[in-house]
C-alpha atoms as a PDB file:
ATOM      1  CA  MET A   1      19.477  23.236  -2.290  1.00  0.00           C
ATOM      2  CA  PRO A   2      21.430  22.844  -6.066  1.00  0.00           C
ATOM      3  CA  PRO A   3      18.720  21.817  -8.485  1.00  0.00           C
ATOM      4  CA  ALA A   4      20.392  18.999 -10.479  1.00  0.00           C
ATOM      5  CA  ASN A   5      20.764  21.180 -13.893  1.00  0.00           C
ATOM      6  CA  ALA A   6      23.078  22.984 -11.668  1.00  0.00           C
ATOM      7  CA  ALA A   7      26.110  21.080 -11.475  1.00  0.00           C
ATOM      8  CA  SER A   8      29.311  21.742 -13.527  1.00  0.00           C
ATOM      9  CA  HIS A   9      31.439  18.688 -14.709  1.00  0.00           C
ATOM     10  CA  VAL A  10      35.590  18.750 -13.555  1.00  0.00           C
ATOM     11  CA  LYS A  11      38.655  17.004 -13.966  1.00  0.00           C
ATOM     12  CA  TYR A  12      40.470  16.100 -11.530  1.00  0.00           C
ATOM     13  CA  ALA A  13      44.072  13.751 -11.697  1.00  0.00           C
ATOM     14  CA  SER A  14      43.204  10.866 -10.422  1.00  0.00           C
ATOM     15  CA  ILE A  15      45.041   9.926  -6.974  1.00  0.00           C
ATOM     16  CA  HIS A  16      46.554   6.325  -8.261  1.00  0.00           C
ATOM     17  CA  ASP A  17      47.336   7.519 -11.448  1.00  0.00           C
ATOM     18  CA  PRO A  18      48.240  11.696 -11.305  1.00  0.00           C
ATOM     19  CA  SER A  19      48.493  11.559 -15.200  1.00  0.00           C
ATOM     20  CA  THR A  20      45.014  10.466 -16.032  1.00  0.00           C
ATOM     21  CA  ASP A  21      42.139  12.808 -15.634  1.00  0.00           C
ATOM     22  CA  VAL A  22      38.591  11.655 -13.558  1.00  0.00           C
ATOM     23  CA  ILE A  23      35.931  13.643 -14.427  1.00  0.00           C
ATOM     24  CA  PHE A  24      33.675  14.259 -11.387  1.00  0.00           C
ATOM     25  CA  GLU A  25      30.051  16.428 -11.021  1.00  0.00           C
ATOM     26  CA  ASN A  26      30.910  19.556  -9.268  1.00  0.00           C
ATOM     27  CA  TYR A  27      28.501  21.667  -7.082  1.00  0.00           C
ATOM     28  CA  ASN A  28      29.440  25.074  -5.719  1.00  0.00           C
ATOM     29  CA  ILE A  29      27.861  26.046  -2.437  1.00  0.00           C
ATOM     30  CA  ASP A  30      28.076  28.245   0.092  1.00  0.00           C
ATOM     31  CA  TYR A  31      28.821  27.867   4.264  1.00  0.00           C
ATOM     32  CA  ASP A  32      25.947  25.831   6.354  1.00  0.00           C
ATOM     33  CA  PHE A  33      25.133  23.944   2.902  1.00  0.00           C
ATOM     34  CA  PHE A  34      24.843  20.693   4.889  1.00  0.00           C
ATOM     35  CA  LYS A  35      23.622  21.701   8.303  1.00  0.00           C
ATOM     36  CA  THR A  36      20.973  23.365   6.198  1.00  0.00           C
ATOM     37  CA  LEU A  37      19.713  20.400   4.535  1.00  0.00           C
ATOM     38  CA  GLY A  38      20.902  18.075   7.586  1.00  0.00           C
ATOM     39  CA  ILE A  39      23.592  15.886   5.226  1.00  0.00           C
ATOM     40  CA  ASP A  40      25.960  14.165   7.396  1.00  0.00           C
ATOM     41  CA  ILE A  41      29.640  14.897   7.575  1.00  0.00           C
ATOM     42  CA  LEU A  42      31.104  11.604   7.508  1.00  0.00           C
ATOM     43  CA  GLU A  43      34.734  12.495   7.896  1.00  0.00           C
ATOM     44  CA  GLY A  44      36.848  15.582   8.731  1.00  0.00           C
ATOM     45  CA  ARG A  45      34.593  18.889   8.466  1.00  0.00           C
ATOM     46  CA  GLU A  46      32.114  21.295   6.719  1.00  0.00           C
ATOM     47  CA  TYR A  47      34.012  24.839   5.315  1.00  0.00           C
ATOM     48  CA  ASP A  48      34.552  27.105   7.623  1.00  0.00           C
ATOM     49  CA  GLU A  49      34.309  30.841   8.037  1.00  0.00           C
ATOM     50  CA  LYS A  50      37.427  31.161   9.987  1.00  0.00           C
ATOM     51  CA  ASN A  51      39.591  29.472   7.959  1.00  0.00           C
ATOM     52  CA  SER A  52      40.648  31.360   4.800  1.00  0.00           C
ATOM     53  CA  THR A  53      42.188  28.802   2.487  1.00  0.00           C
ATOM     54  CA  ASP A  54      38.817  27.020   2.405  1.00  0.00           C
ATOM     55  CA  ILE A  55      37.598  28.744  -0.776  1.00  0.00           C
ATOM     56  CA  THR A  56      41.071  28.503  -2.887  1.00  0.00           C
ATOM     57  CA  SER A  57      42.413  25.480  -2.166  1.00  0.00           C
ATOM     58  CA  SER A  58      39.823  23.047   0.119  1.00  0.00           C
ATOM     59  CA  VAL A  59      37.372  20.366  -1.427  1.00  0.00           C
ATOM     60  CA  ILE A  60      34.469  18.103   0.055  1.00  0.00           C
ATOM     61  CA  ILE A  61      33.944  14.612  -1.287  1.00  0.00           C
ATOM     62  CA  ASN A  62      31.070  12.215  -1.335  1.00  0.00           C
ATOM     63  CA  ARG A  63      31.278   8.768  -0.360  1.00  0.00           C
ATOM     64  CA  LYS A  64      30.927   7.653  -3.535  1.00  0.00           C
ATOM     65  CA  VAL A  65      34.690   9.213  -4.415  1.00  0.00           C
ATOM     66  CA  VAL A  66      35.675   7.132  -1.521  1.00  0.00           C
ATOM     67  CA  THR A  67      34.525   3.830  -2.820  1.00  0.00           C
ATOM     68  CA  GLU A  68      34.361   4.044  -6.267  1.00  0.00           C
ATOM     69  CA  PHE A  69      38.163   5.101  -6.417  1.00  0.00           C
ATOM     70  CA  GLY A  70      39.523   3.358  -2.982  1.00  0.00           C
ATOM     71  CA  ILE A  71      40.418   5.613  -1.352  1.00  0.00           C
ATOM     72  CA  GLU A  72      41.970   5.124   2.441  1.00  0.00           C
ATOM     73  CA  ASN A  73      41.904   7.494   5.373  1.00  0.00           C
ATOM     74  CA  PRO A  74      40.539  10.095   2.063  1.00  0.00           C
ATOM     75  CA  ILE A  75      40.844  13.622   4.731  1.00  0.00           C
ATOM     76  CA  GLY A  76      44.358  15.290   3.726  1.00  0.00           C
ATOM     77  CA  LYS A  77      44.953  14.163   0.602  1.00  0.00           C
ATOM     78  CA  MET A  78      44.834  16.009  -2.878  1.00  0.00           C
ATOM     79  CA  ILE A  79      42.498  15.656  -5.434  1.00  0.00           C
ATOM     80  CA  GLY A  80      44.094  17.733  -8.343  1.00  0.00           C
ATOM     81  CA  GLN A  81      45.144  21.387  -6.736  1.00  0.00           C
ATOM     82  CA  ARG A  82      42.607  21.050  -3.641  1.00  0.00           C
ATOM     83  CA  ARG A  83      42.460  19.283  -0.334  1.00  0.00           C
ATOM     84  CA  ILE A  84      40.171  17.114   0.974  1.00  0.00           C
ATOM     85  CA  ILE A  85      39.219  18.422   4.164  1.00  0.00           C
ATOM     86  CA  GLY A  86      35.563  16.241   4.464  1.00  0.00           C
ATOM     87  CA  VAL A  87      33.322  12.986   3.072  1.00  0.00           C
ATOM     88  CA  VAL A  88      29.438  13.434   3.103  1.00  0.00           C
ATOM     89  CA  ASP A  89      27.020  11.036   2.670  1.00  0.00           C
ATOM     90  CA  ASN A  90      26.117  10.166  -0.512  1.00  0.00           C
ATOM     91  CA  ILE A  91      23.241  13.012  -2.034  1.00  0.00           C
ATOM     92  CA  TYR A  92      20.806  12.187  -5.015  1.00  0.00           C
ATOM     93  CA  PHE A  93      20.446  15.526  -6.951  1.00  0.00           C
ATOM     94  CA  HIS A  94      18.882  13.796  -9.719  1.00  0.00           C
ATOM     95  CA  SER A  95      16.095  10.924  -9.588  1.00  0.00           C
ATOM     96  CA  PHE A  96      16.917   7.095  -9.288  1.00  0.00           C
ATOM     97  CA  HIS A  97      16.590   7.079 -13.020  1.00  0.00           C
ATOM     98  CA  HIS A  98      20.020   8.146 -12.994  1.00  0.00           C
ATOM     99  CA  GLY A  99      22.917   6.706 -11.244  1.00  0.00           C
ATOM    100  CA  LEU A 100      24.816   8.311  -8.468  1.00  0.00           C
ATOM    101  CA  LEU A 101      28.270   9.942  -9.830  1.00  0.00           C
ATOM    102  CA  PRO A 102      31.142  10.546  -7.694  1.00  0.00           C
ATOM    103  CA  ALA A 103      30.736  14.498  -6.535  1.00  0.00           C
ATOM    104  CA  THR A 104      32.242  17.057  -5.152  1.00  0.00           C
ATOM    105  CA  PHE A 105      31.334  20.339  -3.590  1.00  0.00           C
ATOM    106  CA  SER A 106      33.584  23.725  -3.544  1.00  0.00           C
ATOM    107  CA  LEU A 107      33.510  26.666  -1.688  1.00  0.00           C
ATOM    108  CA  GLN A 108      32.188  29.185  -4.136  1.00  0.00           C
ATOM    109  CA  PRO A 109      30.082  31.650  -2.076  1.00  0.00           C
ATOM    110  CA  TYR A 110      29.606  34.358  -4.836  1.00  0.00           C
ATOM    111  CA  ALA A 111      29.344  31.807  -7.886  1.00  0.00           C
ATOM    112  CA  CYS A 112      25.680  29.773  -5.750  1.00  0.00           C
ATOM    113  CA  MET A 113      22.549  30.792  -7.833  1.00  0.00           C
ATOM    114  CA  HIS A 114      20.426  29.202  -5.388  1.00  0.00           C
ATOM    115  CA  ILE A 115      19.557  29.691  -1.690  1.00  0.00           C
ATOM    116  CA  ALA A 116      18.473  26.563   0.448  1.00  0.00           C
ATOM    117  CA  VAL A 117      16.344  28.174   3.308  1.00  0.00           C
ATOM    118  CA  LYS A 118      14.929  25.821   6.161  1.00  0.00           C
ATOM    119  CA  THR A 119      10.845  26.428   7.245  1.00  0.00           C
ATOM    120  CA  ILE A 120       9.751  25.430  10.323  1.00  0.00           C
ATOM    121  CA  PRO A 121       7.228  23.532   9.813  1.00  0.00           C
ATOM    122  CA  GLY A 122       3.182  25.645   9.780  1.00  0.00           C
ATOM    123  CA  HIS A 123       5.591  28.796   9.512  1.00  0.00           C
ATOM    124  CA  THR A 124       5.290  28.608   5.478  1.00  0.00           C
ATOM    125  CA  GLU A 125       3.516  31.773   4.555  1.00  0.00           C
ATOM    126  CA  GLN A 126       4.959  33.676   7.712  1.00  0.00           C
ATOM    127  CA  THR A 127       8.811  32.756   6.262  1.00  0.00           C
ATOM    128  CA  LEU A 128       7.829  33.297   2.333  1.00  0.00           C
ATOM    129  CA  GLU A 129       6.174  37.125   3.314  1.00  0.00           C
ATOM    130  CA  PHE A 130       9.565  37.429   4.994  1.00  0.00           C
ATOM    131  CA  LEU A 131      11.796  36.326   2.643  1.00  0.00           C
ATOM    132  CA  LYS A 132       9.915  38.691  -0.265  1.00  0.00           C
ATOM    133  CA  GLY A 133      10.643  41.431   2.107  1.00  0.00           C
ATOM    134  CA  GLN A 134      13.866  40.924   2.119  1.00  0.00           C
ATOM    135  CA  TRP A 135      14.558  40.421  -1.658  1.00  0.00           C
ATOM    136  CA  LYS A 136      13.260  43.538  -2.809  1.00  0.00           C
ATOM    137  CA  THR A 137      15.523  45.085  -0.388  1.00  0.00           C
ATOM    138  CA  VAL A 138      18.114  43.420  -1.454  1.00  0.00           C
ATOM    139  CA  ALA A 139      17.827  42.845  -5.446  1.00  0.00           C
ATOM    140  CA  PRO A 140      14.361  45.294  -6.427  1.00  0.00           C
ATOM    141  CA  ASN A 141      15.150  44.770 -10.287  1.00  0.00           C
ATOM    142  CA  ILE A 142      15.315  40.952  -9.863  1.00  0.00           C
ATOM    143  CA  PRO A 143      12.054  38.405  -9.667  1.00  0.00           C
ATOM    144  CA  PHE A 144      11.785  36.620  -6.537  1.00  0.00           C
ATOM    145  CA  ASN A 145      11.322  32.540  -7.299  1.00  0.00           C
ATOM    146  CA  TYR A 146      11.143  30.008  -5.576  1.00  0.00           C
ATOM    147  CA  TYR A 147      10.064  26.226  -4.986  1.00  0.00           C
ATOM    148  CA  PHE A 148       9.865  23.548  -2.437  1.00  0.00           C
ATOM    149  CA  ILE A 149      12.510  20.805  -2.659  1.00  0.00           C
ATOM    150  CA  ASP A 150       9.538  18.157  -2.176  1.00  0.00           C
ATOM    151  CA  ASP A 151       7.541  19.514  -5.361  1.00  0.00           C
ATOM    152  CA  GLU A 152      11.012  19.593  -7.211  1.00  0.00           C
ATOM    153  CA  LEU A 153      11.377  15.454  -6.399  1.00  0.00           C
ATOM    154  CA  LYS A 154       7.719  14.473  -7.338  1.00  0.00           C
ATOM    155  CA  GLN A 155       8.686  16.387 -10.763  1.00  0.00           C
ATOM    156  CA  PHE A 156      11.834  13.628 -10.944  1.00  0.00           C
ATOM    157  CA  TYR A 157       8.908  10.274 -10.466  1.00  0.00           C
ATOM    158  CA  LYS A 158       5.729  12.215 -12.586  1.00  0.00           C
ATOM    159  CA  LYS A 159       5.895   9.961 -15.578  1.00  0.00           C
ATOM    160  CA  ASP A 160       6.338   7.033 -13.256  1.00  0.00           C
ATOM    161  CA  LYS A 161       4.002   8.364 -11.202  1.00  0.00           C
ATOM    162  CA  GLN A 162       1.123   8.769 -14.278  1.00  0.00           C
ATOM    163  CA  PHE A 163       2.815   5.146 -15.709  1.00  0.00           C
ATOM    164  CA  GLY A 164       1.134   3.300 -12.402  1.00  0.00           C
ATOM    165  CA  GLN A 165      -1.937   4.765 -12.173  1.00  0.00           C
ATOM    166  CA  SER A 166      -1.928   3.803 -16.097  1.00  0.00           C
ATOM    167  CA  ILE A 167      -1.577   0.198 -14.451  1.00  0.00           C
ATOM    168  CA  SER A 168      -3.625   0.377 -11.823  1.00  0.00           C
ATOM    169  CA  LEU A 169      -6.858   1.676 -13.484  1.00  0.00           C
ATOM    170  CA  TYR A 170      -6.251  -0.961 -16.834  1.00  0.00           C
ATOM    171  CA  THR A 171      -5.841  -3.802 -13.670  1.00  0.00           C
ATOM    172  CA  LEU A 172      -9.153  -2.952 -12.543  1.00  0.00           C
ATOM    173  CA  ILE A 173     -10.754  -2.843 -15.749  1.00  0.00           C
ATOM    174  CA  ALA A 174      -9.522  -6.320 -16.505  1.00  0.00           C
ATOM    175  CA  ILE A 175     -10.502  -7.332 -13.347  1.00  0.00           C
ATOM    176  CA  PHE A 176     -13.762  -6.408 -13.727  1.00  0.00           C
ATOM    177  CA  ILE A 177     -14.128  -7.812 -17.429  1.00  0.00           C
ATOM    178  CA  SER A 178     -12.620 -11.180 -15.626  1.00  0.00           C
ATOM    179  CA  ILE A 179     -15.356 -10.928 -12.670  1.00  0.00           C
ATOM    180  CA  LEU A 180     -18.207 -10.948 -15.249  1.00  0.00           C
ATOM    181  CA  GLY A 181     -16.662 -13.152 -17.788  1.00  0.00           C
ATOM    182  CA  LEU A 182     -16.408 -15.726 -14.779  1.00  0.00           C
ATOM    183  CA  PHE A 183     -19.651 -15.089 -13.011  1.00  0.00           C
ATOM    184  CA  GLY A 184     -21.341 -16.000 -17.055  1.00  0.00           C
ATOM    185  CA  LEU A 185     -19.216 -18.692 -16.686  1.00  0.00           C
ATOM    186  CA  SER A 186     -20.200 -19.887 -13.413  1.00  0.00           C
ATOM    187  CA  LEU A 187     -24.109 -19.383 -14.588  1.00  0.00           C
ATOM    188  CA  PHE A 188     -23.793 -21.643 -18.029  1.00  0.00           C
ATOM    189  CA  MET A 189     -21.633 -24.575 -15.371  1.00  0.00           C
ATOM    190  CA  ALA A 190     -24.140 -23.941 -13.011  1.00  0.00           C
ATOM    191  CA  ASP A 191     -27.727 -24.219 -15.624  1.00  0.00           C
ATOM    192  CA  ARG A 192     -25.887 -27.474 -16.958  1.00  0.00           C
ATOM    193  CA  LYS A 193     -25.588 -29.171 -13.604  1.00  0.00           C
ATOM    194  CA  THR A 194     -28.766 -28.566 -12.577  1.00  0.00           C
ATOM    195  CA  LYS A 195     -30.207 -32.309 -12.438  1.00  0.00           C
ATOM    196  CA  GLU A 196     -26.765 -33.374 -11.697  1.00  0.00           C
ATOM    197  CA  ILE A 197     -26.602 -31.411  -8.021  1.00  0.00           C
ATOM    198  CA  THR A 198     -30.035 -32.091  -7.522  1.00  0.00           C
ATOM    199  CA  ILE A 199     -29.217 -35.344  -7.594  1.00  0.00           C
ATOM    200  CA  ARG A 200     -26.408 -35.234  -5.446  1.00  0.00           C
ATOM    201  CA  LYS A 201     -28.596 -33.454  -2.866  1.00  0.00           C
ATOM    202  CA  VAL A 202     -31.389 -35.936  -3.381  1.00  0.00           C
ATOM    203  CA  HIS A 203     -28.445 -38.632  -2.169  1.00  0.00           C
ATOM    204  CA  GLY A 204     -27.582 -36.550   1.388  1.00  0.00           C
ATOM    205  CA  ALA A 205     -24.557 -33.790  -0.657  1.00  0.00           C
ATOM    206  CA  SER A 206     -24.707 -30.794   1.739  1.00  0.00           C
ATOM    207  CA  ASN A 207     -24.428 -27.440   0.676  1.00  0.00           C
ATOM    208  CA  VAL A 208     -20.279 -26.992   0.810  1.00  0.00           C
ATOM    209  CA  ASP A 209     -19.924 -30.377  -0.944  1.00  0.00           C
ATOM    210  CA  ILE A 210     -22.448 -28.616  -3.948  1.00  0.00           C
ATOM    211  CA  ILE A 211     -20.025 -25.099  -3.252  1.00  0.00           C
ATOM    212  CA  TYR A 212     -16.708 -27.344  -3.623  1.00  0.00           C
ATOM    213  CA  MET A 213     -17.695 -29.237  -7.141  1.00  0.00           C
ATOM    214  CA  LEU A 214     -18.625 -26.099  -8.832  1.00  0.00           C
ATOM    215  CA  THR A 215     -15.475 -23.679  -7.782  1.00  0.00           C
ATOM    216  CA  LYS A 216     -12.984 -26.980  -7.526  1.00  0.00           C
ATOM    217  CA  GLN A 217     -12.588 -27.212 -11.681  1.00  0.00           C
ATOM    218  CA  PHE A 218     -11.755 -22.945 -11.247  1.00  0.00           C
ATOM    219  CA  LEU A 219      -9.681 -23.051  -8.699  1.00  0.00           C
ATOM    220  CA  LYS A 220      -7.712 -25.347 -10.876  1.00  0.00           C
ATOM    221  CA  TYR A 221      -7.508 -22.884 -13.207  1.00  0.00           C
ATOM    222  CA  ALA A 222      -6.273 -20.080 -11.192  1.00  0.00           C
ATOM    223  CA  LEU A 223      -3.633 -22.441  -9.784  1.00  0.00           C
ATOM    224  CA  ILE A 224      -2.579 -22.703 -13.114  1.00  0.00           C
ATOM    225  CA  ALA A 225      -2.524 -19.606 -14.801  1.00  0.00           C
ATOM    226  CA  ASN A 226      -0.755 -17.833 -11.207  1.00  0.00           C
ATOM    227  CA  LEU A 227       1.828 -20.820 -11.910  1.00  0.00           C
ATOM    228  CA  ILE A 228       2.590 -19.000 -15.146  1.00  0.00           C
ATOM    229  CA  SER A 229       1.991 -15.731 -15.045  1.00  0.00           C
ATOM    230  CA  LEU A 230       3.874 -15.278 -11.810  1.00  0.00           C
ATOM    231  CA  PRO A 231       7.446 -16.014 -13.578  1.00  0.00           C
ATOM    232  CA  ILE A 232       6.106 -13.690 -16.651  1.00  0.00           C
ATOM    233  CA  SER A 233       5.285 -10.798 -14.065  1.00  0.00           C
ATOM    234  CA  TYR A 234       8.685 -10.862 -11.899  1.00  0.00           C
ATOM    235  CA  TYR A 235      10.692 -10.696 -15.299  1.00  0.00           C
ATOM    236  CA  LEU A 236       8.414  -7.568 -16.439  1.00  0.00           C
ATOM    237  CA  VAL A 237       9.008  -5.797 -13.079  1.00  0.00           C
ATOM    238  CA  ASP A 238      12.386  -6.942 -12.311  1.00  0.00           C
ATOM    239  CA  ASN A 239      12.785  -5.544 -16.361  1.00  0.00           C
ATOM    240  CA  TRP A 240      11.141  -2.060 -15.508  1.00  0.00           C
ATOM    241  CA  LEU A 241      13.286  -2.071 -12.114  1.00  0.00           C
ATOM    242  CA  GLN A 242      16.218  -1.413 -14.064  1.00  0.00           C
ATOM    243  CA  ASN A 243      15.799   1.797 -15.328  1.00  0.00           C
ATOM    244  CA  PHE A 244      16.170   2.889 -11.166  1.00  0.00           C
ATOM    245  CA  SER A 245      19.917   2.814  -9.510  1.00  0.00           C
ATOM    246  CA  ILE A 246      18.414   1.790  -6.615  1.00  0.00           C
ATOM    247  CA  ARG A 247      15.990  -1.030  -6.482  1.00  0.00           C
ATOM    248  CA  ILE A 248      14.439  -3.481  -4.290  1.00  0.00           C
ATOM    249  CA  ASN A 249      15.569  -6.854  -4.295  1.00  0.00           C
ATOM    250  CA  LEU A 250      12.222  -8.655  -5.507  1.00  0.00           C
ATOM    251  CA  LEU A 251      13.506 -12.172  -4.108  1.00  0.00           C
ATOM    252  CA  ALA A 252      13.271 -10.381  -0.752  1.00  0.00           C
ATOM    253  CA  ASN A 253      10.069  -9.285  -1.459  1.00  0.00           C
ATOM    254  CA  TRP A 254       8.560 -12.310  -2.940  1.00  0.00           C
ATOM    255  CA  TRP A 255       5.240 -11.987  -0.640  1.00  0.00           C
ATOM    256  CA  VAL A 256       3.639  -9.155  -2.722  1.00  0.00           C
ATOM    257  CA  PHE A 257       3.384 -12.131  -5.778  1.00  0.00           C
ATOM    258  CA  LEU A 258       1.660 -14.101  -2.668  1.00  0.00           C
ATOM    259  CA  ILE A 259      -0.315 -11.639  -2.034  1.00  0.00           C
ATOM    260  CA  ALA A 260      -1.397 -11.545  -6.058  1.00  0.00           C
ATOM    261  CA  CYS A 261      -2.204 -14.709  -6.118  1.00  0.00           C
ATOM    262  CA  ILE A 262      -4.199 -14.631  -3.214  1.00  0.00           C
ATOM    263  CA  LEU A 263      -6.039 -11.792  -4.585  1.00  0.00           C
ATOM    264  CA  SER A 264      -6.996 -13.543  -7.434  1.00  0.00           C
ATOM    265  CA  ILE A 265      -8.262 -16.826  -6.258  1.00  0.00           C
ATOM    266  CA  SER A 266      -9.983 -15.100  -3.874  1.00  0.00           C
ATOM    267  CA  ILE A 267     -12.139 -13.230  -6.664  1.00  0.00           C
ATOM    268  CA  ILE A 268     -12.424 -16.605  -7.903  1.00  0.00           C
ATOM    269  CA  ILE A 269     -13.719 -17.665  -4.821  1.00  0.00           C
ATOM    270  CA  GLY A 270     -16.243 -14.410  -4.075  1.00  0.00           C
ATOM    271  CA  THR A 271     -17.688 -14.355  -7.915  1.00  0.00           C
ATOM    272  CA  VAL A 272     -17.849 -18.352  -8.514  1.00  0.00           C
ATOM    273  CA  GLY A 273     -19.004 -18.730  -5.213  1.00  0.00           C
ATOM    274  CA  LEU A 274     -21.266 -17.040  -4.831  1.00  0.00           C
ATOM    275  CA  LYS A 275     -23.533 -18.417  -7.743  1.00  0.00           C
ATOM    276  CA  ALA A 276     -22.451 -21.934  -6.118  1.00  0.00           C
ATOM    277  CA  TRP A 277     -24.134 -20.763  -2.840  1.00  0.00           C
ATOM    278  CA  GLN A 278     -26.993 -20.027  -4.890  1.00  0.00           C
ATOM    279  CA  THR A 279     -27.290 -23.072  -6.437  1.00  0.00           C
ATOM    280  CA  SER A 280     -27.084 -25.443  -3.738  1.00  0.00           C
ATOM    281  CA  ARG A 281     -29.844 -23.545  -1.739  1.00  0.00           C
ATOM    282  CA  LEU A 282     -32.412 -25.127  -4.456  1.00  0.00           C
ATOM    283  CA  ASN A 283     -35.075 -27.179  -3.336  1.00  0.00           C
ATOM    284  CA  PRO A 284     -34.101 -30.280  -5.010  1.00  0.00           C
ATOM    285  CA  VAL A 285     -37.935 -30.757  -5.495  1.00  0.00           C
ATOM    286  CA  ASP A 286     -38.758 -28.386  -7.433  1.00  0.00           C
ATOM    287  CA  THR A 287     -35.249 -28.639  -9.777  1.00  0.00           C
ATOM    288  CA  LEU A 288     -36.815 -32.335 -10.461  1.00  0.00           C
ATOM    289  CA  LYS A 289     -40.530 -31.111 -10.963  1.00  0.00           C
ATOM    290  CA  TYR A 290     -38.750 -28.946 -13.686  1.00  0.00           C
ATOM    291  CA  GLU A 291     -36.799 -31.182 -15.419  1.00  0.00           C
END
């Protein structure tokens, strides 16, 4: 698989206006390139070793070329001095941070600088040893260097992963501090309302009534906080997603924000509710004696 920096930029005369040049991203490939990588041929055919004109006068394009330039029935049409023989699905050789470019794939077996090898799962080590042996036979004075495509893809999003880990860490710290604050505030409120709670229990209030009395104020604040934070969160996440050429539709994934609201309210209920439950179990006789 050619790495992202293996592409060259070539100019072809526009199909609609031959006097205008259009810049394409071009990759030099060998026979069976698309078959090896499992890339679908949408129209036409792949390069054929039996067809000698493929090297000199044929070209394969990606679907982006067809859609961007509105080419109908592209097979057989000319791009510059080359005839289109196939259309392949769009392939991202870059990360999604970069937009997809119109691309051509030229048959240039002697200009390829990388070799793509598909391995059988579970036989990677044996395949590497075989390739090393073959490489020493063919090019003994050139080092055998290799990489895996999945490792290359991970490098594309290394910074995004680090950013996500940082956000997760700071989120956990913020939640921990919030829980401590909530617990301290609930202790303070329960202490202030000790006499009121005792009187309510003497008059027949249940534990559930006491818990509701102590938590309803916090729940009201939580709902207000969620109403304020939701549009801000949507704006920040949507703004971050603009860095990607392919991105999810946040409105279609509204349930993510709903889960965040439920989790925040659950944390408040769990934190404040624990102290409220402990307070509701106090013996009114002991409390009145203390008061």
